[in-house]
Amino acid sequence: MERPEQAFRSRELASRASTEIRRIAGRLSDTVRIMEVCGTHTVAIRRTGVRSLLPESIRLISGPGCPVCVTPSGFISNALHLIEDHAATIATFGDMVKVPDPEGRSLAEYLGTGKVQIVYSPQEVLQLARKIDGPLVFLGIGFETTIPTVASAFLRTREEGLRNLYLAAAFKTVPPALRALVSDPDCAIDAFLLPGHVSVVLGLEPYRFLAEEFHIPGVVGGFEPLDILLAILKIVRQLASGKAEIENAYPRAVRDGGNPVARRAIEELLEPESSLWRGLGRLEGSGLAIRPEMEELDAAKAFNLPELIDYDPPGCLCAKVIQGKALPPQCPLFGRRCTPDSPVGPCMVSSEGTCAAHLKYGDGAA
């Protein structure tokens, strides 16, 4: 029996969708710039060759959809400070280990010493905290996709009475970043391919401002080739008719109202705050901080961590790549000094980074 996802990889259906996209795009007078704001989309588009099925008049550009890439480099400085000055152990997802701080150092220096523990889920962090002596700090990065599971795990620490586990929160929320992008006078984005995973939690309402205030269409898409093509088809139909709406092309996973249970878990532990983004600066209400009544979990307060700073090494264009203002090959370091084995900027570190995806798969046009 054919599995459901196999239908979304059908060459025949993809060809039909591509033909219809080309037909409608032929009625548009200008080049259409569609930004995807999910790292999983960035990789899927290039890995599957979706771009090769689109007319030249449709340009797909990558946005700030990689949580590692938008985290300021000062966050790594603080993590190293925790190890070296507070005898803390760091627990982190693997993508953060090679990210350089402003001095070019990274957590990779401490791999194999026990001071940096790579985990694959927040539940592993709880297991570590029960085993080790001394403070354990989890580096909390990510968007609305991963935040609920982290929040749930840390709420359990209070129930269990664990006193050695702390959260260094650098969480980001997607809608404020989209507002910042479209408010930029140099913005040349015609539509958004909205993130499927994030939208499972958020639903559609947080994106409405794109259509209502800026007349920019947005369509939530899944991650199989046909998912992406159907979302693009909805976008070009809107553009051809002069409409701007927020639509859902991923109904098998995303509900209009999102997941209220996941949002409640976030709200129980965290509250909105302004947050520093690489490339976008400090955005009001775009981060999530630990609530004051739970501040005993907050690594920033427990260890008096410095204010975050951002820094890009000379020549690195990560900040522009994140904003869709530069393509990876335009960076003088791309594939030369900056490679996955020796990354200079975070867009080459993360498996979902635009530069890493571009280097591995090319531009996805063939």
Protein backbone atom coordinates (compact mmCIF):
# COMPACT_ATOMS: atom_id res chain seq x y z
CA MET A 1 0.00 0.00 0.00
CA GLU A 2 1.30 3.45 -0.92
CA ARG A 3 2.14 5.58 2.08
CA PRO A 4 0.41 9.00 2.17
CA GLU A 5 3.65 10.97 1.84
CA GLN A 6 4.52 9.11 -1.37
CA ALA A 7 1.65 10.87 -3.13
CA PHE A 8 3.36 14.17 -2.32
CA ARG A 9 6.46 12.95 -4.18
CA SER A 10 4.56 11.97 -7.32
CA ARG A 11 6.34 13.15 -10.46
CA GLU A 12 3.07 13.21 -12.38
CA LEU A 13 1.32 15.42 -9.84
CA ALA A 14 4.38 17.63 -9.50
CA SER A 15 4.48 18.05 -13.27
CA ARG A 16 0.81 19.09 -13.31
CA ALA A 17 1.38 21.61 -10.53
CA SER A 18 4.46 22.95 -12.30
CA THR A 19 2.55 23.37 -15.56
CA GLU A 20 -0.20 25.31 -13.81
CA ILE A 21 2.33 27.51 -11.99
CA ARG A 22 4.02 28.31 -15.30
CA ARG A 23 0.70 29.09 -16.96
CA ILE A 24 -0.38 31.54 -14.26
CA ALA A 25 3.09 33.05 -13.82
CA GLY A 26 3.07 33.82 -17.55
CA ARG A 27 0.31 36.34 -16.84
CA LEU A 28 2.45 38.24 -14.34
CA SER A 29 4.50 41.12 -15.69
CA ASP A 30 7.27 41.11 -13.07
CA THR A 31 9.61 38.65 -11.42
CA VAL A 32 8.06 37.18 -8.27
CA ARG A 33 10.23 36.91 -5.15
CA ILE A 34 8.94 34.31 -2.68
CA MET A 35 10.74 33.96 0.65
CA GLU A 36 10.68 30.73 2.64
CA VAL A 37 11.14 31.31 6.36
CA CYS A 38 11.84 27.77 7.48
CA GLY A 39 15.20 26.04 7.40
CA THR A 40 13.52 22.74 6.57
CA HIS A 41 11.98 24.37 3.50
CA THR A 42 15.39 25.75 2.53
CA VAL A 43 16.91 22.28 2.54
CA ALA A 44 13.89 20.57 0.93
CA ILE A 45 13.72 23.05 -1.95
CA ARG A 46 17.36 22.51 -2.84
CA ARG A 47 17.55 18.79 -2.12
CA THR A 48 14.53 17.90 -4.24
CA GLY A 49 15.20 20.24 -7.16
CA VAL A 50 11.86 22.05 -6.84
CA ARG A 51 13.40 25.18 -8.33
CA SER A 52 13.98 23.35 -11.61
CA LEU A 53 10.20 22.97 -12.00
CA LEU A 54 9.53 26.69 -11.74
CA PRO A 55 9.73 29.38 -14.41
CA GLU A 56 12.65 31.81 -14.29
CA SER A 57 10.22 34.57 -13.33
CA ILE A 58 9.75 32.98 -9.90
CA ARG A 59 12.65 33.42 -7.52
CA LEU A 60 12.82 31.54 -4.23
CA ILE A 61 14.91 33.21 -1.55
CA SER A 62 15.76 32.08 1.97
CA GLY A 63 14.92 34.06 5.08
CA PRO A 64 15.65 33.89 8.81
CA GLY A 65 14.33 30.36 9.24
CA CYS A 66 17.36 28.75 10.89
CA PRO A 67 17.42 29.26 14.68
CA VAL A 68 21.17 28.68 14.91
CA CYS A 69 21.75 31.29 12.20
CA VAL A 70 19.76 34.08 13.86
CA THR A 71 21.23 33.57 17.36
CA PRO A 72 23.77 36.32 18.19
CA SER A 73 27.38 35.21 18.49
CA GLY A 74 27.50 36.62 22.03
CA PHE A 75 25.33 33.70 23.10
CA ILE A 76 28.31 31.41 22.49
CA SER A 77 30.55 33.77 24.47
CA ASN A 78 28.17 33.43 27.41
CA ALA A 79 28.15 29.64 27.10
CA LEU A 80 31.96 29.56 27.22
CA HIS A 81 31.83 31.95 30.20
CA LEU A 82 29.56 29.48 32.03
CA ILE A 83 32.06 26.66 31.50
CA GLU A 84 35.20 28.59 32.31
CA ASP A 85 34.06 30.88 35.12
CA HIS A 86 31.20 28.98 36.73
CA ALA A 87 32.24 25.32 36.29
CA ALA A 88 28.97 24.65 34.49
CA THR A 89 28.24 21.84 32.08
CA ILE A 90 26.55 22.88 28.84
CA ALA A 91 23.82 20.78 27.24
CA THR A 92 23.01 21.71 23.66
CA PHE A 93 21.71 20.48 20.35
CA GLY A 94 24.59 19.56 18.05
CA ASP A 95 24.21 22.43 15.58
CA MET A 96 25.35 24.95 18.18
CA VAL A 97 28.71 23.31 18.87
CA LYS A 98 30.62 24.75 15.90
CA VAL A 99 29.10 28.25 15.94
CA PRO A 100 31.96 30.74 16.49
CA ASP A 101 31.85 33.51 19.06
CA PRO A 102 33.23 37.02 18.25
CA GLU A 103 36.76 35.76 19.00
CA GLY A 104 36.41 32.72 16.74
CA ARG A 105 36.09 30.26 19.61
CA SER A 106 33.35 27.63 19.85
CA LEU A 107 31.99 24.99 22.18
CA ALA A 108 33.81 22.39 20.07
CA GLU A 109 36.88 23.18 22.20
CA TYR A 110 35.25 21.29 25.06
CA LEU A 111 33.93 18.25 23.23
CA GLY A 112 35.21 15.10 24.89
CA THR A 113 35.82 16.81 28.23
CA GLY A 114 32.34 16.23 29.59
CA LYS A 115 31.76 19.97 29.84
CA VAL A 116 29.68 20.02 26.62
CA GLN A 117 26.95 17.42 26.26
CA ILE A 118 25.13 17.05 22.93
CA VAL A 119 21.48 16.11 23.39
CA TYR A 120 18.72 15.26 20.96
CA SER A 121 15.69 16.10 23.08
CA PRO A 122 14.90 18.17 26.18
CA GLN A 123 14.07 14.95 28.05
CA GLU A 124 17.74 13.97 27.81
CA VAL A 125 18.60 17.19 29.64
CA LEU A 126 16.51 16.07 32.62
CA GLN A 127 18.31 12.73 32.65
CA LEU A 128 21.68 14.50 32.64
CA ALA A 129 20.67 16.80 35.48
CA ARG A 130 19.84 13.78 37.65
CA LYS A 131 23.29 12.28 37.04
CA ILE A 132 25.84 15.09 37.21
CA ASP A 133 27.12 17.20 40.05
CA GLY A 134 27.27 20.96 39.65
CA PRO A 135 25.24 23.28 37.43
CA LEU A 136 23.90 22.11 34.06
CA VAL A 137 22.81 24.78 31.59
CA PHE A 138 20.72 23.98 28.53
CA LEU A 139 21.14 26.33 25.57
CA GLY A 140 17.54 27.08 24.64
CA ILE A 141 17.37 28.21 21.03
CA GLY A 142 14.65 27.68 18.46
CA PHE A 143 11.31 28.88 17.20
CA GLU A 144 7.76 27.96 18.17
CA THR A 145 8.37 24.44 16.85
CA THR A 146 10.76 23.34 19.59
CA ILE A 147 9.91 25.76 22.40
CA PRO A 148 6.88 23.79 23.76
CA THR A 149 8.92 20.63 24.37
CA VAL A 150 11.66 22.60 26.12
CA ALA A 151 9.08 24.45 28.22
CA SER A 152 7.39 21.19 29.22
CA ALA A 153 10.71 19.66 30.27
CA PHE A 154 11.65 22.64 32.42
CA LEU A 155 8.25 22.76 34.04
CA ARG A 156 8.93 19.18 35.13
CA THR A 157 12.17 20.26 36.81
CA ARG A 158 10.12 22.25 39.29
CA GLU A 159 7.89 19.27 39.97
CA GLU A 160 10.91 17.02 40.56
CA GLY A 161 12.77 19.60 42.62
CA LEU A 162 15.94 19.55 40.47
CA ARG A 163 18.12 22.44 41.68
CA ASN A 164 21.12 22.19 39.36
CA LEU A 165 19.39 22.70 35.99
CA TYR A 166 19.18 26.09 34.29
CA LEU A 167 17.92 27.42 30.98
CA ALA A 168 19.85 29.96 28.89
CA ALA A 169 16.96 31.21 26.77
CA ALA A 170 17.54 32.64 23.30
CA PHE A 171 14.19 31.63 21.85
CA LYS A 172 12.80 33.50 18.86
CA THR A 173 9.26 33.91 17.51
CA VAL A 174 8.65 34.10 13.77
CA PRO A 175 5.92 36.75 13.21
CA PRO A 176 7.94 39.73 14.57
CA ALA A 177 10.81 38.80 12.24
CA LEU A 178 8.42 38.81 9.27
CA ARG A 179 7.16 42.24 10.32
CA ALA A 180 10.73 43.51 10.47
CA LEU A 181 11.47 42.17 7.00
CA VAL A 182 8.43 43.71 5.33
CA SER A 183 8.89 47.01 7.19
CA ASP A 184 12.35 47.41 5.70
CA PRO A 185 12.24 50.11 2.97
CA ASP A 186 14.48 47.87 0.86
CA CYS A 187 12.10 44.93 1.16
CA ALA A 188 11.51 43.27 -2.19
CA ILE A 189 9.48 40.28 -1.01
CA ASP A 190 6.29 39.60 -2.95
CA ALA A 191 5.02 36.65 -0.92
CA PHE A 192 5.95 34.23 1.85
CA LEU A 193 6.09 30.45 1.91
CA LEU A 194 5.20 30.22 5.60
CA PRO A 195 6.74 27.59 7.89
CA GLY A 196 4.83 24.34 8.30
CA HIS A 197 6.28 23.22 11.63
CA VAL A 198 5.91 26.60 13.34
CA SER A 199 2.36 26.91 12.03
CA VAL A 200 1.38 23.61 13.65
CA VAL A 201 1.71 25.53 16.92
CA LEU A 202 0.69 29.04 15.83
CA GLY A 203 -2.05 28.42 13.30
CA LEU A 204 -2.76 31.17 10.76
CA GLU A 205 -3.87 34.20 12.77
CA PRO A 206 -0.39 35.53 13.70
CA TYR A 207 0.41 35.99 10.00
CA ARG A 208 -2.71 37.96 9.06
CA PHE A 209 -0.92 41.29 9.34
CA LEU A 210 1.11 40.44 6.24
CA ALA A 211 -2.01 40.50 4.08
CA GLU A 212 -4.04 43.10 5.97
CA GLU A 213 -1.33 45.70 6.61
CA PHE A 214 1.19 45.06 3.82
CA HIS A 215 -0.91 43.35 1.12
CA ILE A 216 1.60 40.49 0.92
CA PRO A 217 0.30 36.93 0.43
CA GLY A 218 1.42 34.11 2.68
CA VAL A 219 0.80 30.39 2.31
CA VAL A 220 1.71 27.71 4.86
CA GLY A 221 3.37 24.77 3.14
CA GLY A 222 4.56 21.29 3.97
CA PHE A 223 7.93 19.82 3.08
CA GLU A 224 7.42 17.26 0.35
CA PRO A 225 7.96 18.45 -3.26
CA LEU A 226 4.24 18.57 -4.04
CA ASP A 227 3.54 20.37 -0.75
CA ILE A 228 5.91 23.14 -1.77
CA LEU A 229 4.61 23.33 -5.33
CA LEU A 230 0.97 23.52 -4.19
CA ALA A 231 1.84 26.34 -1.80
CA ILE A 232 3.60 28.22 -4.60
CA LEU A 233 0.60 27.61 -6.86
CA LYS A 234 -1.68 29.23 -4.29
CA ILE A 235 0.73 32.17 -4.06
CA VAL A 236 0.85 32.83 -7.82
CA ARG A 237 -2.95 32.53 -8.03
CA GLN A 238 -3.24 35.25 -5.40
CA LEU A 239 -0.71 37.47 -7.14
CA ALA A 240 -2.40 37.01 -10.52
CA SER A 241 -5.78 38.00 -9.06
CA GLY A 242 -4.39 40.92 -7.06
CA LYS A 243 -5.35 39.30 -3.75
CA ALA A 244 -3.36 39.06 -0.55
CA GLU A 245 -4.51 36.37 1.89
CA ILE A 246 -3.07 33.91 4.39
CA GLU A 247 -3.81 30.36 3.24
CA ASN A 248 -3.08 26.88 4.46
CA ALA A 249 -1.67 24.41 1.93
CA TYR A 250 -0.65 21.95 4.67
CA PRO A 251 -4.01 20.99 6.22
CA ARG A 252 -2.96 17.45 7.12
CA ALA A 253 -0.71 18.93 9.83
CA VAL A 254 -1.75 22.55 10.37
CA ARG A 255 -5.08 23.71 11.79
CA ASP A 256 -6.23 27.30 11.50
CA GLY A 257 -6.17 27.64 15.29
CA GLY A 258 -2.84 25.89 15.73
CA ASN A 259 -2.13 23.91 18.89
CA PRO A 260 -3.43 25.69 22.01
CA VAL A 261 -1.97 23.02 24.34
CA ALA A 262 1.54 23.71 23.03
CA ARG A 263 1.00 27.45 23.35
CA ARG A 264 -0.14 27.06 26.96
CA ALA A 265 3.06 25.19 27.80
CA ILE A 266 5.07 28.07 26.37
CA GLU A 267 3.04 30.69 28.24
CA GLU A 268 3.36 28.88 31.56
CA LEU A 269 7.15 29.15 31.54
CA LEU A 270 7.93 32.07 29.23
CA GLU A 271 6.81 35.59 28.40
CA PRO A 272 7.55 37.89 25.43
CA GLU A 273 10.57 40.17 25.48
CA SER A 274 12.62 42.14 22.98
CA SER A 275 15.34 39.99 21.45
CA LEU A 276 18.53 40.48 19.46
CA TRP A 277 18.61 38.75 16.07
CA ARG A 278 21.63 38.33 13.87
CA GLY A 279 21.07 40.58 10.87
CA LEU A 280 17.77 42.03 12.05
CA GLY A 281 18.86 43.77 15.24
CA ARG A 282 16.73 43.99 18.37
CA LEU A 283 13.06 43.27 17.66
CA GLU A 284 10.34 44.12 20.15
CA GLY A 285 8.36 41.12 21.41
CA SER A 286 10.34 38.67 19.28
CA GLY A 287 11.93 36.65 22.09
CA LEU A 288 10.72 34.64 25.05
CA ALA A 289 12.17 35.09 28.54
CA ILE A 290 11.61 33.01 31.66
CA ARG A 291 8.81 34.42 33.78
CA PRO A 292 9.91 36.21 36.98
CA GLU A 293 8.09 33.71 39.19
CA MET A 294 10.33 30.97 37.75
CA GLU A 295 13.58 32.90 37.71
CA GLU A 296 15.41 30.18 39.65
CA LEU A 297 15.61 28.37 36.28
CA ASP A 298 17.07 31.39 34.47
CA ALA A 299 20.80 30.99 33.75
CA ALA A 300 21.13 34.67 32.80
CA LYS A 301 20.04 35.75 36.28
CA ALA A 302 21.62 32.93 38.26
CA PHE A 303 25.06 33.57 36.75
CA ASN A 304 24.68 37.29 35.96
CA LEU A 305 25.42 36.76 32.27
CA PRO A 306 26.39 39.78 30.15
CA GLU A 307 23.98 41.38 27.68
CA LEU A 308 24.12 39.63 24.32
CA ILE A 309 26.11 41.20 21.51
CA ASP A 310 26.13 40.40 17.81
CA TYR A 311 29.14 40.23 15.55
CA ASP A 312 29.89 39.05 12.03
CA PRO A 313 33.49 38.29 11.05
CA PRO A 314 34.98 40.50 8.31
CA GLY A 315 33.73 39.42 4.92
CA CYS A 316 30.93 37.21 6.30
CA LEU A 317 27.55 37.92 4.69
CA CYS A 318 25.40 35.78 7.01
CA ALA A 319 23.44 38.84 8.16
CA LYS A 320 22.51 39.70 4.57
CA VAL A 321 21.78 36.08 3.62
CA ILE A 322 19.34 35.82 6.53
CA GLN A 323 17.48 38.89 5.26
CA GLY A 324 17.35 37.60 1.68
CA LYS A 325 19.60 40.46 0.55
CA ALA A 326 22.49 38.24 -0.57
CA LEU A 327 22.93 34.75 -1.97
CA PRO A 328 25.57 32.46 -0.44
CA PRO A 329 27.88 32.45 -3.50
CA GLN A 330 28.06 36.25 -3.27
CA CYS A 331 29.94 35.91 0.02
CA PRO A 332 33.72 36.03 -0.57
CA LEU A 333 34.22 33.37 2.12
CA PHE A 334 31.65 30.89 0.76
CA GLY A 335 33.18 27.50 0.02
CA ARG A 336 36.67 28.90 0.45
CA ARG A 337 37.47 29.96 4.01
CA CYS A 338 33.95 29.07 5.15
CA THR A 339 32.98 25.41 4.84
CA PRO A 340 30.97 22.98 7.02
CA ASP A 341 34.23 21.59 8.43
CA SER A 342 35.60 25.06 9.19
CA PRO A 343 32.63 27.47 9.35
CA VAL A 344 33.13 31.20 9.70
CA GLY A 345 29.45 32.10 9.97
CA PRO A 346 26.42 30.24 11.38
CA CYS A 347 24.68 29.89 8.00
CA MET A 348 27.38 27.34 7.16
CA VAL A 349 27.18 25.59 10.55
CA SER A 350 23.59 24.46 10.82
CA SER A 351 22.24 21.65 8.66
CA GLU A 352 19.36 24.04 7.94
CA GLY A 353 21.59 27.02 7.20
CA THR A 354 21.20 28.56 3.76
CA CYS A 355 24.94 28.48 3.02
CA ALA A 356 25.33 24.84 4.08
CA ALA A 357 22.31 23.82 1.98
CA HIS A 358 23.53 25.80 -1.01
CA LEU A 359 27.02 24.30 -0.80
CA LYS A 360 25.66 20.75 -0.48
CA TYR A 361 22.88 20.87 -3.06
CA GLY A 362 23.62 23.90 -5.24
CA ASP A 363 20.76 26.28 -5.94
CA GLY A 364 18.33 23.42 -6.55
CA ALA A 365 17.72 24.50 -10.13
CA ALA A 366 18.67 21.20 -11.71
